[in-house]
Amino acid sequence: MKKVKATNPELIKLIRFLRKQSRENKANIWREIAERLAKPRRKRIAVNLSRLNRHTQKNEMVVVPGKVLGAGEINHPVIVAAFAFSEKAKEKIKAAKGKCLSFIDLIKKNPKGSNVKIIG
């Protein structure tokens, strides 16, 4: 297991939680997301809404192991889980009747990680 070099206590707690859920639920998707979040901040992913709009369909579940930014438009509802959201991104997702979730909420809703798409 890689040592987490991050100093953000919330991020460290989230990475440990994801690894634990991966072991308990035998769902490799959570381990993959934990590994992507454990990368240095400059290598962490930032995804614009325009990319989410391009690569998703209506009512899909999407995970972004980084931050969702508000550039672009989204014209269909999606369920997005990310480490962080910009305020504009939250507003636009909610305006499109989508949902913004934390990873913990998504894992409680879908512990196996089935039908979840990783963007980024």
PDB file of N, CA and C in Angstrom:
ATOM      1  N   MET A   1       0.841  -1.173   0.000  1.00  0.00           N
ATOM      2  CA  MET A   1       0.000   0.000   0.000  1.00  0.00           C
ATOM      3  C   MET A   1       0.886   1.236   0.000  1.00  0.00           C
ATOM      4  N   LYS A   2       0.547   2.190  -0.910  1.00  0.00           N
ATOM      5  CA  LYS A   2       1.321   3.422  -1.003  1.00  0.00           C
ATOM      6  C   LYS A   2       1.092   4.300   0.216  1.00  0.00           C
ATOM      7  N   LYS A   3       2.143   4.993   0.604  1.00  0.00           N
ATOM      8  CA  LYS A   3       2.001   5.951   1.699  1.00  0.00           C
ATOM      9  C   LYS A   3       1.397   7.231   1.139  1.00  0.00           C
ATOM     10  N   VAL A   4       0.420   7.764   1.852  1.00  0.00           N
ATOM     11  CA  VAL A   4      -0.234   8.993   1.432  1.00  0.00           C
ATOM     12  C   VAL A   4       0.634  10.167   1.847  1.00  0.00           C
ATOM     13  N   LYS A   5       0.987  11.019   0.868  1.00  0.00           N
ATOM     14  CA  LYS A   5       1.852  12.159   1.148  1.00  0.00           C
ATOM     15  C   LYS A   5       1.068  13.440   1.370  1.00  0.00           C
ATOM     16  N   ALA A   6      -0.238  13.384   1.214  1.00  0.00           N
ATOM     17  CA  ALA A   6      -1.065  14.580   1.384  1.00  0.00           C
ATOM     18  C   ALA A   6      -1.075  15.018   2.839  1.00  0.00           C
ATOM     19  N   THR A   7      -1.269  16.310   3.048  1.00  0.00           N
ATOM     20  CA  THR A   7      -1.335  16.824   4.407  1.00  0.00           C
ATOM     21  C   THR A   7      -2.756  17.226   4.788  1.00  0.00           C
ATOM     22  N   ASN A   8      -3.672  17.202   3.837  1.00  0.00           N
ATOM     23  CA  ASN A   8      -5.063  17.537   4.103  1.00  0.00           C
ATOM     24  C   ASN A   8      -5.705  16.386   4.882  1.00  0.00           C
ATOM     25  N   PRO A   9      -6.086  16.602   6.151  1.00  0.00           N
ATOM     26  CA  PRO A   9      -6.626  15.493   6.952  1.00  0.00           C
ATOM     27  C   PRO A   9      -7.927  14.923   6.394  1.00  0.00           C
ATOM     28  N   GLU A  10      -8.740  15.766   5.766  1.00  0.00           N
ATOM     29  CA  GLU A  10      -9.985  15.290   5.151  1.00  0.00           C
ATOM     30  C   GLU A  10      -9.681  14.347   3.989  1.00  0.00           C
ATOM     31  N   LEU A  11      -8.683  14.688   3.190  1.00  0.00           N
ATOM     32  CA  LEU A  11      -8.295  13.850   2.050  1.00  0.00           C
ATOM     33  C   LEU A  11      -7.711  12.523   2.523  1.00  0.00           C
ATOM     34  N   ILE A  12      -6.858  12.554   3.530  1.00  0.00           N
ATOM     35  CA  ILE A  12      -6.257  11.324   4.060  1.00  0.00           C
ATOM     36  C   ILE A  12      -7.344  10.392   4.588  1.00  0.00           C
ATOM     37  N   LYS A  13      -8.298  10.938   5.317  1.00  0.00           N
ATOM     38  CA  LYS A  13      -9.413  10.148   5.851  1.00  0.00           C
ATOM     39  C   LYS A  13     -10.239   9.530   4.716  1.00  0.00           C
ATOM     40  N   LEU A  14     -10.482  10.314   3.665  1.00  0.00           N
ATOM     41  CA  LEU A  14     -11.255   9.827   2.523  1.00  0.00           C
ATOM     42  C   LEU A  14     -10.520   8.695   1.803  1.00  0.00           C
ATOM     43  N   ILE A  15      -9.215   8.834   1.602  1.00  0.00           N
ATOM     44  CA  ILE A  15      -8.433   7.791   0.925  1.00  0.00           C
ATOM     45  C   ILE A  15      -8.463   6.496   1.721  1.00  0.00           C
ATOM     46  N   ARG A  16      -8.293   6.587   3.045  1.00  0.00           N
ATOM     47  CA  ARG A  16      -8.362   5.386   3.891  1.00  0.00           C
ATOM     48  C   ARG A  16      -9.742   4.749   3.828  1.00  0.00           C
ATOM     49  N   PHE A  17     -10.795   5.580   3.838  1.00  0.00           N
ATOM     50  CA  PHE A  17     -12.175   5.072   3.760  1.00  0.00           C
ATOM     51  C   PHE A  17     -12.409   4.351   2.428  1.00  0.00           C
ATOM     52  N   LEU A  18     -11.916   4.930   1.329  1.00  0.00           N
ATOM     53  CA  LEU A  18     -12.095   4.302   0.015  1.00  0.00           C
ATOM     54  C   LEU A  18     -11.385   2.953  -0.067  1.00  0.00           C
ATOM     55  N   ARG A  19     -10.163   2.890   0.463  1.00  0.00           N
ATOM     56  CA  ARG A  19      -9.423   1.620   0.454  1.00  0.00           C
ATOM     57  C   ARG A  19     -10.139   0.559   1.285  1.00  0.00           C
ATOM     58  N   LYS A  20     -10.673   0.964   2.427  1.00  0.00           N
ATOM     59  CA  LYS A  20     -11.402   0.030   3.298  1.00  0.00           C
ATOM     60  C   LYS A  20     -12.656  -0.485   2.590  1.00  0.00           C
ATOM     61  N   GLN A  21     -13.404   0.411   1.944  1.00  0.00           N
ATOM     62  CA  GLN A  21     -14.615   0.002   1.230  1.00  0.00           C
ATOM     63  C   GLN A  21     -14.279  -0.918   0.065  1.00  0.00           C
ATOM     64  N   SER A  22     -13.148  -0.685  -0.568  1.00  0.00           N
ATOM     65  CA  SER A  22     -12.712  -1.536  -1.670  1.00  0.00           C
ATOM     66  C   SER A  22     -12.484  -2.968  -1.183  1.00  0.00           C
ATOM     67  N   ARG A  23     -11.838  -3.093  -0.019  1.00  0.00           N
ATOM     68  CA  ARG A  23     -11.589  -4.433   0.540  1.00  0.00           C
ATOM     69  C   ARG A  23     -12.891  -5.096   0.979  1.00  0.00           C
ATOM     70  N   GLU A  24     -13.731  -4.351   1.705  1.00  0.00           N
ATOM     71  CA  GLU A  24     -14.948  -4.937   2.268  1.00  0.00           C
ATOM     72  C   GLU A  24     -15.960  -5.336   1.200  1.00  0.00           C
ATOM     73  N   ASN A  25     -16.104  -4.515   0.169  1.00  0.00           N
ATOM     74  CA  ASN A  25     -17.118  -4.767  -0.861  1.00  0.00           C
ATOM     75  C   ASN A  25     -16.567  -5.454  -2.100  1.00  0.00           C
ATOM     76  N   LYS A  26     -15.250  -5.741  -2.082  1.00  0.00           N
ATOM     77  CA  LYS A  26     -14.592  -6.341  -3.238  1.00  0.00           C
ATOM     78  C   LYS A  26     -14.885  -5.549  -4.509  1.00  0.00           C
ATOM     79  N   ALA A  27     -14.760  -4.228  -4.385  1.00  0.00           N
ATOM     80  CA  ALA A  27     -15.013  -3.319  -5.499  1.00  0.00           C
ATOM     81  C   ALA A  27     -13.728  -2.563  -5.816  1.00  0.00           C
ATOM     82  N   ASN A  28     -13.066  -2.924  -6.904  1.00  0.00           N
ATOM     83  CA  ASN A  28     -11.787  -2.314  -7.259  1.00  0.00           C
ATOM     84  C   ASN A  28     -11.905  -0.847  -7.647  1.00  0.00           C
ATOM     85  N   ILE A  29     -13.094  -0.408  -7.993  1.00  0.00           N
ATOM     86  CA  ILE A  29     -13.269   0.992  -8.408  1.00  0.00           C
ATOM     87  C   ILE A  29     -12.887   1.948  -7.283  1.00  0.00           C
ATOM     88  N   TRP A  30     -13.207   1.604  -6.041  1.00  0.00           N
ATOM     89  CA  TRP A  30     -12.900   2.509  -4.918  1.00  0.00           C
ATOM     90  C   TRP A  30     -11.395   2.580  -4.690  1.00  0.00           C
ATOM     91  N   ARG A  31     -10.674   1.463  -4.889  1.00  0.00           N
ATOM     92  CA  ARG A  31      -9.211   1.478  -4.738  1.00  0.00           C
ATOM     93  C   ARG A  31      -8.585   2.336  -5.834  1.00  0.00           C
ATOM     94  N   GLU A  32      -9.106   2.229  -7.037  1.00  0.00           N
ATOM     95  CA  GLU A  32      -8.591   3.022  -8.151  1.00  0.00           C
ATOM     96  C   GLU A  32      -8.773   4.524  -7.879  1.00  0.00           C
ATOM     97  N   ILE A  33      -9.918   4.896  -7.349  1.00  0.00           N
ATOM     98  CA  ILE A  33     -10.177   6.303  -7.042  1.00  0.00           C
ATOM     99  C   ILE A  33      -9.263   6.770  -5.909  1.00  0.00           C
ATOM    100  N   ALA A  34      -9.052   5.912  -4.909  1.00  0.00           N
ATOM    101  CA  ALA A  34      -8.148   6.263  -3.806  1.00  0.00           C
ATOM    102  C   ALA A  34      -6.729   6.504  -4.327  1.00  0.00           C
ATOM    103  N   GLU A  35      -6.278   5.669  -5.254  1.00  0.00           N
ATOM    104  CA  GLU A  35      -4.937   5.836  -5.818  1.00  0.00           C
ATOM    105  C   GLU A  35      -4.830   7.145  -6.591  1.00  0.00           C
ATOM    106  N   ARG A  36      -5.885   7.498  -7.327  1.00  0.00           N
ATOM    107  CA  ARG A  36      -5.857   8.755  -8.080  1.00  0.00           C
ATOM    108  C   ARG A  36      -5.891   9.959  -7.149  1.00  0.00           C
ATOM    109  N   LEU A  37      -6.612   9.856  -6.033  1.00  0.00           N
ATOM    110  CA  LEU A  37      -6.654  10.969  -5.077  1.00  0.00           C
ATOM    111  C   LEU A  37      -5.345  11.104  -4.301  1.00  0.00           C
ATOM    112  N   ALA A  38      -4.580  10.021  -4.187  1.00  0.00           N
ATOM    113  CA  ALA A  38      -3.327  10.049  -3.438  1.00  0.00           C
ATOM    114  C   ALA A  38      -2.190  10.703  -4.234  1.00  0.00           C
ATOM    115  N   LYS A  39      -2.426  11.007  -5.495  1.00  0.00           N
ATOM    116  CA  LYS A  39      -1.406  11.664  -6.309  1.00  0.00           C
ATOM    117  C   LYS A  39      -1.167  13.081  -5.804  1.00  0.00           C
ATOM    118  N   PRO A  40      -0.031  13.678  -6.174  1.00  0.00           N
ATOM    119  CA  PRO A  40       0.229  15.071  -5.791  1.00  0.00           C
ATOM    120  C   PRO A  40      -0.857  16.003  -6.349  1.00  0.00           C
ATOM    121  N   ARG A  41      -1.042  17.123  -5.719  1.00  0.00           N
ATOM    122  CA  ARG A  41      -2.115  18.046  -6.107  1.00  0.00           C
ATOM    123  C   ARG A  41      -1.977  18.498  -7.562  1.00  0.00           C
ATOM    124  N   ARG A  42      -0.770  18.722  -8.040  1.00  0.00           N
ATOM    125  CA  ARG A  42      -0.597  19.202  -9.416  1.00  0.00           C
ATOM    126  C   ARG A  42      -0.983  18.148 -10.448  1.00  0.00           C
ATOM    127  N   LYS A  43      -1.040  16.870 -10.026  1.00  0.00           N
ATOM    128  CA  LYS A  43      -1.454  15.803 -10.943  1.00  0.00           C
ATOM    129  C   LYS A  43      -2.908  15.400 -10.744  1.00  0.00           C
ATOM    130  N   ARG A  44      -3.585  16.006  -9.779  1.00  0.00           N
ATOM    131  CA  ARG A  44      -4.980  15.695  -9.529  1.00  0.00           C
ATOM    132  C   ARG A  44      -5.847  16.270 -10.636  1.00  0.00           C
ATOM    133  N   ILE A  45      -6.952  15.661 -10.877  1.00  0.00           N
ATOM    134  CA  ILE A  45      -7.771  15.963 -12.038  1.00  0.00           C
ATOM    135  C   ILE A  45      -8.741  17.105 -11.762  1.00  0.00           C
ATOM    136  N   ALA A  46      -8.893  17.979 -12.749  1.00  0.00           N
ATOM    137  CA  ALA A  46      -9.925  19.013 -12.739  1.00  0.00           C
ATOM    138  C   ALA A  46     -10.743  18.832 -14.012  1.00  0.00           C
ATOM    139  N   VAL A  47     -12.045  18.664 -13.867  1.00  0.00           N
ATOM    140  CA  VAL A  47     -12.922  18.366 -15.002  1.00  0.00           C
ATOM    141  C   VAL A  47     -13.953  19.483 -15.135  1.00  0.00           C
ATOM    142  N   ASN A  48     -14.105  19.984 -16.356  1.00  0.00           N
ATOM    143  CA  ASN A  48     -15.123  20.983 -16.632  1.00  0.00           C
ATOM    144  C   ASN A  48     -16.454  20.313 -16.932  1.00  0.00           C
ATOM    145  N   LEU A  49     -17.542  21.064 -16.746  1.00  0.00           N
ATOM    146  CA  LEU A  49     -18.876  20.535 -17.021  1.00  0.00           C
ATOM    147  C   LEU A  49     -19.046  20.165 -18.490  1.00  0.00           C
ATOM    148  N   SER A  50     -18.358  20.856 -19.369  1.00  0.00           N
ATOM    149  CA  SER A  50     -18.476  20.537 -20.791  1.00  0.00           C
ATOM    150  C   SER A  50     -18.011  19.101 -21.069  1.00  0.00           C
ATOM    151  N   ARG A  51     -16.970  18.650 -20.377  1.00  0.00           N
ATOM    152  CA  ARG A  51     -16.506  17.272 -20.554  1.00  0.00           C
ATOM    153  C   ARG A  51     -17.522  16.283 -19.992  1.00  0.00           C
ATOM    154  N   LEU A  52     -18.094  16.598 -18.824  1.00  0.00           N
ATOM    155  CA  LEU A  52     -19.136  15.731 -18.268  1.00  0.00           C
ATOM    156  C   LEU A  52     -20.313  15.629 -19.228  1.00  0.00           C
ATOM    157  N   ASN A  53     -20.685  16.746 -19.829  1.00  0.00           N
ATOM    158  CA  ASN A  53     -21.803  16.765 -20.762  1.00  0.00           C
ATOM    159  C   ASN A  53     -21.515  15.889 -21.984  1.00  0.00           C
ATOM    160  N   ARG A  54     -20.278  15.943 -22.481  1.00  0.00           N
ATOM    161  CA  ARG A  54     -19.881  15.170 -23.667  1.00  0.00           C
ATOM    162  C   ARG A  54     -19.850  13.669 -23.413  1.00  0.00           C
ATOM    163  N   HIS A  55     -19.369  13.264 -22.236  1.00  0.00           N
ATOM    164  CA  HIS A  55     -19.093  11.848 -21.985  1.00  0.00           C
ATOM    165  C   HIS A  55     -20.131  11.128 -21.142  1.00  0.00           C
ATOM    166  N   THR A  56     -21.267  11.763 -20.875  1.00  0.00           N
ATOM    167  CA  THR A  56     -22.287  11.099 -20.059  1.00  0.00           C
ATOM    168  C   THR A  56     -23.629  11.097 -20.768  1.00  0.00           C
ATOM    169  N   GLN A  57     -24.486  10.217 -20.303  1.00  0.00           N
ATOM    170  CA  GLN A  57     -25.872  10.156 -20.771  1.00  0.00           C
ATOM    171  C   GLN A  57     -26.763  10.599 -19.611  1.00  0.00           C
ATOM    172  N   LYS A  58     -28.051  10.660 -19.884  1.00  0.00           N
ATOM    173  CA  LYS A  58     -29.022  11.082 -18.870  1.00  0.00           C
ATOM    174  C   LYS A  58     -29.026  10.106 -17.694  1.00  0.00           C
ATOM    175  N   ASN A  59     -29.022  10.643 -16.472  1.00  0.00           N
ATOM    176  CA  ASN A  59     -29.103   9.903 -15.207  1.00  0.00           C
ATOM    177  C   ASN A  59     -27.948   8.931 -14.966  1.00  0.00           C
ATOM    178  N   GLU A  60     -26.778   9.155 -15.532  1.00  0.00           N
ATOM    179  CA  GLU A  60     -25.616   8.320 -15.256  1.00  0.00           C
ATOM    180  C   GLU A  60     -24.949   8.738 -13.951  1.00  0.00           C
ATOM    181  N   MET A  61     -24.247   7.788 -13.321  1.00  0.00           N
ATOM    182  CA  MET A  61     -23.450   8.080 -12.129  1.00  0.00           C
ATOM    183  C   MET A  61     -22.002   8.251 -12.558  1.00  0.00           C
ATOM    184  N   VAL A  62     -21.406   9.358 -12.135  1.00  0.00           N
ATOM    185  CA  VAL A  62     -20.054   9.698 -12.543  1.00  0.00           C
ATOM    186  C   VAL A  62     -19.218  10.024 -11.314  1.00  0.00           C
ATOM    187  N   VAL A  63     -17.948   9.591 -11.321  1.00  0.00           N
ATOM    188  CA  VAL A  63     -17.013   9.914 -10.247  1.00  0.00           C
ATOM    189  C   VAL A  63     -15.853  10.709 -10.837  1.00  0.00           C
ATOM    190  N   VAL A  64     -15.511  11.801 -10.178  1.00  0.00           N
ATOM    191  CA  VAL A  64     -14.359  12.613 -10.574  1.00  0.00           C
ATOM    192  C   VAL A  64     -13.377  12.611  -9.413  1.00  0.00           C
ATOM    193  N   PRO A  65     -12.210  11.968  -9.570  1.00  0.00           N
ATOM    194  CA  PRO A  65     -11.233  11.947  -8.472  1.00  0.00           C
ATOM    195  C   PRO A  65     -10.431  13.245  -8.428  1.00  0.00           C
ATOM    196  N   GLY A  66     -11.122  14.333  -8.219  1.00  0.00           N
ATOM    197  CA  GLY A  66     -10.514  15.659  -8.185  1.00  0.00           C
ATOM    198  C   GLY A  66     -11.609  16.695  -8.036  1.00  0.00           C
ATOM    199  N   LYS A  67     -11.507  17.764  -8.824  1.00  0.00           N
ATOM    200  CA  LYS A  67     -12.453  18.872  -8.697  1.00  0.00           C
ATOM    201  C   LYS A  67     -13.269  19.028  -9.974  1.00  0.00           C
ATOM    202  N   VAL A  68     -14.546  19.377  -9.795  1.00  0.00           N
ATOM    203  CA  VAL A  68     -15.428  19.679 -10.923  1.00  0.00           C
ATOM    204  C   VAL A  68     -15.521  21.194 -11.032  1.00  0.00           C
ATOM    205  N   LEU A  69     -15.220  21.709 -12.237  1.00  0.00           N
ATOM    206  CA  LEU A  69     -15.231  23.149 -12.483  1.00  0.00           C
ATOM    207  C   LEU A  69     -16.438  23.530 -13.327  1.00  0.00           C
ATOM    208  N   GLY A  70     -16.831  24.783 -13.303  1.00  0.00           N
ATOM    209  CA  GLY A  70     -18.081  25.221 -13.904  1.00  0.00           C
ATOM    210  C   GLY A  70     -18.010  25.691 -15.343  1.00  0.00           C
ATOM    211  N   ALA A  71     -16.895  25.493 -16.053  1.00  0.00           N
ATOM    212  CA  ALA A  71     -16.807  25.945 -17.448  1.00  0.00           C
ATOM    213  C   ALA A  71     -17.642  25.046 -18.343  1.00  0.00           C
ATOM    214  N   GLY A  72     -18.442  25.647 -19.200  1.00  0.00           N
ATOM    215  CA  GLY A  72     -19.284  24.886 -20.112  1.00  0.00           C
ATOM    216  C   GLY A  72     -20.693  24.738 -19.565  1.00  0.00           C
ATOM    217  N   GLU A  73     -21.486  24.011 -20.297  1.00  0.00           N
ATOM    218  CA  GLU A  73     -22.886  23.791 -19.928  1.00  0.00           C
ATOM    219  C   GLU A  73     -23.146  22.298 -19.789  1.00  0.00           C
ATOM    220  N   ILE A  74     -24.146  21.964 -19.003  1.00  0.00           N
ATOM    221  CA  ILE A  74     -24.609  20.577 -18.899  1.00  0.00           C
ATOM    222  C   ILE A  74     -26.112  20.618 -19.124  1.00  0.00           C
ATOM    223  N   ASN A  75     -26.598  19.762 -20.043  1.00  0.00           N
ATOM    224  CA  ASN A  75     -28.000  19.862 -20.422  1.00  0.00           C
ATOM    225  C   ASN A  75     -28.809  18.604 -20.127  1.00  0.00           C
ATOM    226  N   HIS A  76     -28.273  17.714 -19.306  1.00  0.00           N
ATOM    227  CA  HIS A  76     -29.032  16.541 -18.863  1.00  0.00           C
ATOM    228  C   HIS A  76     -28.643  16.218 -17.417  1.00  0.00           C
ATOM    229  N   PRO A  77     -29.572  15.607 -16.664  1.00  0.00           N
ATOM    230  CA  PRO A  77     -29.270  15.316 -15.258  1.00  0.00           C
ATOM    231  C   PRO A  77     -28.272  14.171 -15.105  1.00  0.00           C
ATOM    232  N   VAL A  78     -27.274  14.368 -14.269  1.00  0.00           N
ATOM    233  CA  VAL A  78     -26.306  13.328 -13.931  1.00  0.00           C
ATOM    234  C   VAL A  78     -26.052  13.377 -12.432  1.00  0.00           C
ATOM    235  N   ILE A  79     -25.620  12.254 -11.880  1.00  0.00           N
ATOM    236  CA  ILE A  79     -25.233  12.183 -10.475  1.00  0.00           C
ATOM    237  C   ILE A  79     -23.712  12.209 -10.454  1.00  0.00           C
ATOM    238  N   VAL A  80     -23.147  13.249  -9.849  1.00  0.00           N
ATOM    239  CA  VAL A  80     -21.701  13.446  -9.857  1.00  0.00           C
ATOM    240  C   VAL A  80     -21.167  13.370  -8.436  1.00  0.00           C
ATOM    241  N   ALA A  81     -20.146  12.535  -8.231  1.00  0.00           N
ATOM    242  CA  ALA A  81     -19.431  12.482  -6.959  1.00  0.00           C
ATOM    243  C   ALA A  81     -18.002  12.951  -7.229  1.00  0.00           C
ATOM    244  N   ALA A  82     -17.527  13.886  -6.412  1.00  0.00           N
ATOM    245  CA  ALA A  82     -16.183  14.421  -6.608  1.00  0.00           C
ATOM    246  C   ALA A  82     -15.601  14.822  -5.268  1.00  0.00           C
ATOM    247  N   PHE A  83     -14.272  15.022  -5.245  1.00  0.00           N
ATOM    248  CA  PHE A  83     -13.631  15.483  -4.023  1.00  0.00           C
ATOM    249  C   PHE A  83     -14.020  16.923  -3.736  1.00  0.00           C
ATOM    250  N   ALA A  84     -14.149  17.746  -4.792  1.00  0.00           N
ATOM    251  CA  ALA A  84     -14.527  19.148  -4.603  1.00  0.00           C
ATOM    252  C   ALA A  84     -15.312  19.638  -5.818  1.00  0.00           C
ATOM    253  N   PHE A  85     -16.168  20.625  -5.581  1.00  0.00           N
ATOM    254  CA  PHE A  85     -16.951  21.260  -6.634  1.00  0.00           C
ATOM    255  C   PHE A  85     -16.754  22.764  -6.531  1.00  0.00           C
ATOM    256  N   SER A  86     -16.692  23.445  -7.678  1.00  0.00           N
ATOM    257  CA  SER A  86     -16.746  24.902  -7.634  1.00  0.00           C
ATOM    258  C   SER A  86     -18.208  25.291  -7.444  1.00  0.00           C
ATOM    259  N   GLU A  87     -18.438  26.510  -6.979  1.00  0.00           N
ATOM    260  CA  GLU A  87     -19.811  26.953  -6.726  1.00  0.00           C
ATOM    261  C   GLU A  87     -20.621  26.979  -8.023  1.00  0.00           C
ATOM    262  N   LYS A  88     -20.021  27.469  -9.106  1.00  0.00           N
ATOM    263  CA  LYS A  88     -20.713  27.527 -10.400  1.00  0.00           C
ATOM    264  C   LYS A  88     -21.083  26.131 -10.879  1.00  0.00           C
ATOM    265  N   ALA A  89     -20.183  25.166 -10.688  1.00  0.00           N
ATOM    266  CA  ALA A  89     -20.460  23.795 -11.118  1.00  0.00           C
ATOM    267  C   ALA A  89     -21.657  23.228 -10.362  1.00  0.00           C
ATOM    268  N   LYS A  90     -21.696  23.453  -9.049  1.00  0.00           N
ATOM    269  CA  LYS A  90     -22.838  22.982  -8.259  1.00  0.00           C
ATOM    270  C   LYS A  90     -24.142  23.588  -8.760  1.00  0.00           C
ATOM    271  N   GLU A  91     -24.121  24.902  -8.997  1.00  0.00           N
ATOM    272  CA  GLU A  91     -25.329  25.581  -9.469  1.00  0.00           C
ATOM    273  C   GLU A  91     -25.813  25.001 -10.795  1.00  0.00           C
ATOM    274  N   LYS A  92     -24.886  24.807 -11.731  1.00  0.00           N
ATOM    275  CA  LYS A  92     -25.272  24.326 -13.059  1.00  0.00           C
ATOM    276  C   LYS A  92     -25.756  22.877 -13.025  1.00  0.00           C
ATOM    277  N   ILE A  93     -25.136  22.035 -12.200  1.00  0.00           N
ATOM    278  CA  ILE A  93     -25.579  20.637 -12.087  1.00  0.00           C
ATOM    279  C   ILE A  93     -26.974  20.580 -11.489  1.00  0.00           C
ATOM    280  N   LYS A  94     -27.209  21.377 -10.450  1.00  0.00           N
ATOM    281  CA  LYS A  94     -28.541  21.399  -9.827  1.00  0.00           C
ATOM    282  C   LYS A  94     -29.582  21.995 -10.766  1.00  0.00           C
ATOM    283  N   ALA A  95     -29.199  22.985 -11.577  1.00  0.00           N
ATOM    284  CA  ALA A  95     -30.122  23.578 -12.548  1.00  0.00           C
ATOM    285  C   ALA A  95     -30.527  22.562 -13.609  1.00  0.00           C
ATOM    286  N   ALA A  96     -29.642  21.615 -13.914  1.00  0.00           N
ATOM    287  CA  ALA A  96     -29.943  20.558 -14.884  1.00  0.00           C
ATOM    288  C   ALA A  96     -30.632  19.366 -14.216  1.00  0.00           C
ATOM    289  N   LYS A  97     -31.062  19.550 -12.969  1.00  0.00           N
ATOM    290  CA  LYS A  97     -31.742  18.525 -12.165  1.00  0.00           C
ATOM    291  C   LYS A  97     -30.849  17.330 -11.843  1.00  0.00           C
ATOM    292  N   GLY A  98     -29.533  17.573 -11.761  1.00  0.00           N
ATOM    293  CA  GLY A  98     -28.593  16.536 -11.361  1.00  0.00           C
ATOM    294  C   GLY A  98     -28.308  16.627  -9.869  1.00  0.00           C
ATOM    295  N   LYS A  99     -27.387  15.777  -9.390  1.00  0.00           N
ATOM    296  CA  LYS A  99     -27.026  15.769  -7.973  1.00  0.00           C
ATOM    297  C   LYS A  99     -25.522  15.835  -7.824  1.00  0.00           C
ATOM    298  N   CYS A 100     -25.084  16.553  -6.786  1.00  0.00           N
ATOM    299  CA  CYS A 100     -23.673  16.616  -6.406  1.00  0.00           C
ATOM    300  C   CYS A 100     -23.528  15.831  -5.105  1.00  0.00           C
ATOM    301  N   LEU A 101     -22.719  14.775  -5.115  1.00  0.00           N
ATOM    302  CA  LEU A 101     -22.546  13.933  -3.940  1.00  0.00           C
ATOM    303  C   LEU A 101     -21.091  13.907  -3.504  1.00  0.00           C
ATOM    304  N   SER A 102     -20.891  13.563  -2.252  1.00  0.00           N
ATOM    305  CA  SER A 102     -19.540  13.260  -1.788  1.00  0.00           C
ATOM    306  C   SER A 102     -19.294  11.770  -2.055  1.00  0.00           C
ATOM    307  N   PHE A 103     -18.048  11.342  -1.948  1.00  0.00           N
ATOM    308  CA  PHE A 103     -17.744   9.923  -2.166  1.00  0.00           C
ATOM    309  C   PHE A 103     -18.445   9.048  -1.133  1.00  0.00           C
ATOM    310  N   ILE A 104     -18.519   9.527   0.092  1.00  0.00           N
ATOM    311  CA  ILE A 104     -19.141   8.742   1.166  1.00  0.00           C
ATOM    312  C   ILE A 104     -20.622   8.509   0.868  1.00  0.00           C
ATOM    313  N   ASP A 105     -21.313   9.546   0.398  1.00  0.00           N
ATOM    314  CA  ASP A 105     -22.727   9.394   0.036  1.00  0.00           C
ATOM    315  C   ASP A 105     -22.903   8.403  -1.106  1.00  0.00           C
ATOM    316  N   LEU A 106     -22.015   8.475  -2.097  1.00  0.00           N
ATOM    317  CA  LEU A 106     -22.115   7.566  -3.240  1.00  0.00           C
ATOM    318  C   LEU A 106     -21.867   6.123  -2.817  1.00  0.00           C
ATOM    319  N   ILE A 107     -20.910   5.903  -1.916  1.00  0.00           N
ATOM    320  CA  ILE A 107     -20.616   4.541  -1.463  1.00  0.00           C
ATOM    321  C   ILE A 107     -21.783   3.985  -0.660  1.00  0.00           C
ATOM    322  N   LYS A 108     -22.428   4.823   0.145  1.00  0.00           N
ATOM    323  CA  LYS A 108     -23.598   4.352   0.880  1.00  0.00           C
ATOM    324  C   LYS A 108     -24.731   3.997  -0.077  1.00  0.00           C
ATOM    325  N   LYS A 109     -24.855   4.745  -1.164  1.00  0.00           N
ATOM    326  CA  LYS A 109     -25.901   4.519  -2.152  1.00  0.00           C
ATOM    327  C   LYS A 109     -25.590   3.313  -3.037  1.00  0.00           C
ATOM    328  N   ASN A 110     -24.305   3.114  -3.369  1.00  0.00           N
ATOM    329  CA  ASN A 110     -23.886   2.077  -4.310  1.00  0.00           C
ATOM    330  C   ASN A 110     -22.563   1.464  -3.842  1.00  0.00           C
ATOM    331  N   PRO A 111     -22.590   0.555  -2.834  1.00  0.00           N
ATOM    332  CA  PRO A 111     -21.339   0.042  -2.263  1.00  0.00           C
ATOM    333  C   PRO A 111     -20.473  -0.770  -3.233  1.00  0.00           C
ATOM    334  N   LYS A 112     -21.071  -1.443  -4.181  1.00  0.00           N
ATOM    335  CA  LYS A 112     -20.300  -2.242  -5.144  1.00  0.00           C
ATOM    336  C   LYS A 112     -19.689  -1.389  -6.246  1.00  0.00           C
ATOM    337  N   GLY A 113     -20.198  -0.178  -6.419  1.00  0.00           N
ATOM    338  CA  GLY A 113     -19.664   0.688  -7.476  1.00  0.00           C
ATOM    339  C   GLY A 113     -20.114   0.287  -8.857  1.00  0.00           C
ATOM    340  N   SER A 114     -21.246  -0.404  -8.961  1.00  0.00           N
ATOM    341  CA  SER A 114     -21.711  -0.840 -10.267  1.00  0.00           C
ATOM    342  C   SER A 114     -22.323   0.329 -11.024  1.00  0.00           C
ATOM    343  N   ASN A 115     -22.130   0.321 -12.331  1.00  0.00           N
ATOM    344  CA  ASN A 115     -22.640   1.371 -13.241  1.00  0.00           C
ATOM    345  C   ASN A 115     -22.137   2.767 -12.873  1.00  0.00           C
ATOM    346  N   VAL A 116     -20.906   2.842 -12.405  1.00  0.00           N
ATOM    347  CA  VAL A 116     -20.283   4.128 -12.087  1.00  0.00           C
ATOM    348  C   VAL A 116     -19.150   4.343 -13.083  1.00  0.00           C
ATOM    349  N   LYS A 117     -19.098   5.540 -13.655  1.00  0.00           N
ATOM    350  CA  LYS A 117     -18.099   5.878 -14.663  1.00  0.00           C
ATOM    351  C   LYS A 117     -17.087   6.838 -14.036  1.00  0.00           C
ATOM    352  N   ILE A 118     -15.787   6.574 -14.235  1.00  0.00           N
ATOM    353  CA  ILE A 118     -14.738   7.482 -13.762  1.00  0.00           C
ATOM    354  C   ILE A 118     -14.398   8.425 -14.906  1.00  0.00           C
ATOM    355  N   ILE A 119     -14.485   9.716 -14.645  1.00  0.00           N
ATOM    356  CA  ILE A 119     -14.144  10.724 -15.652  1.00  0.00           C
ATOM    357  C   ILE A 119     -12.904  11.451 -15.170  1.00  0.00           C
ATOM    358  N   GLY A 120     -11.898  11.537 -16.065  1.00  0.00           N
ATOM    359  CA  GLY A 120     -10.721  12.300 -15.706  1.00  0.00           C
ATOM    360  C   GLY A 120      -9.439  11.570 -15.911  1.00  0.00           C
TER     361      GLY A 120
END
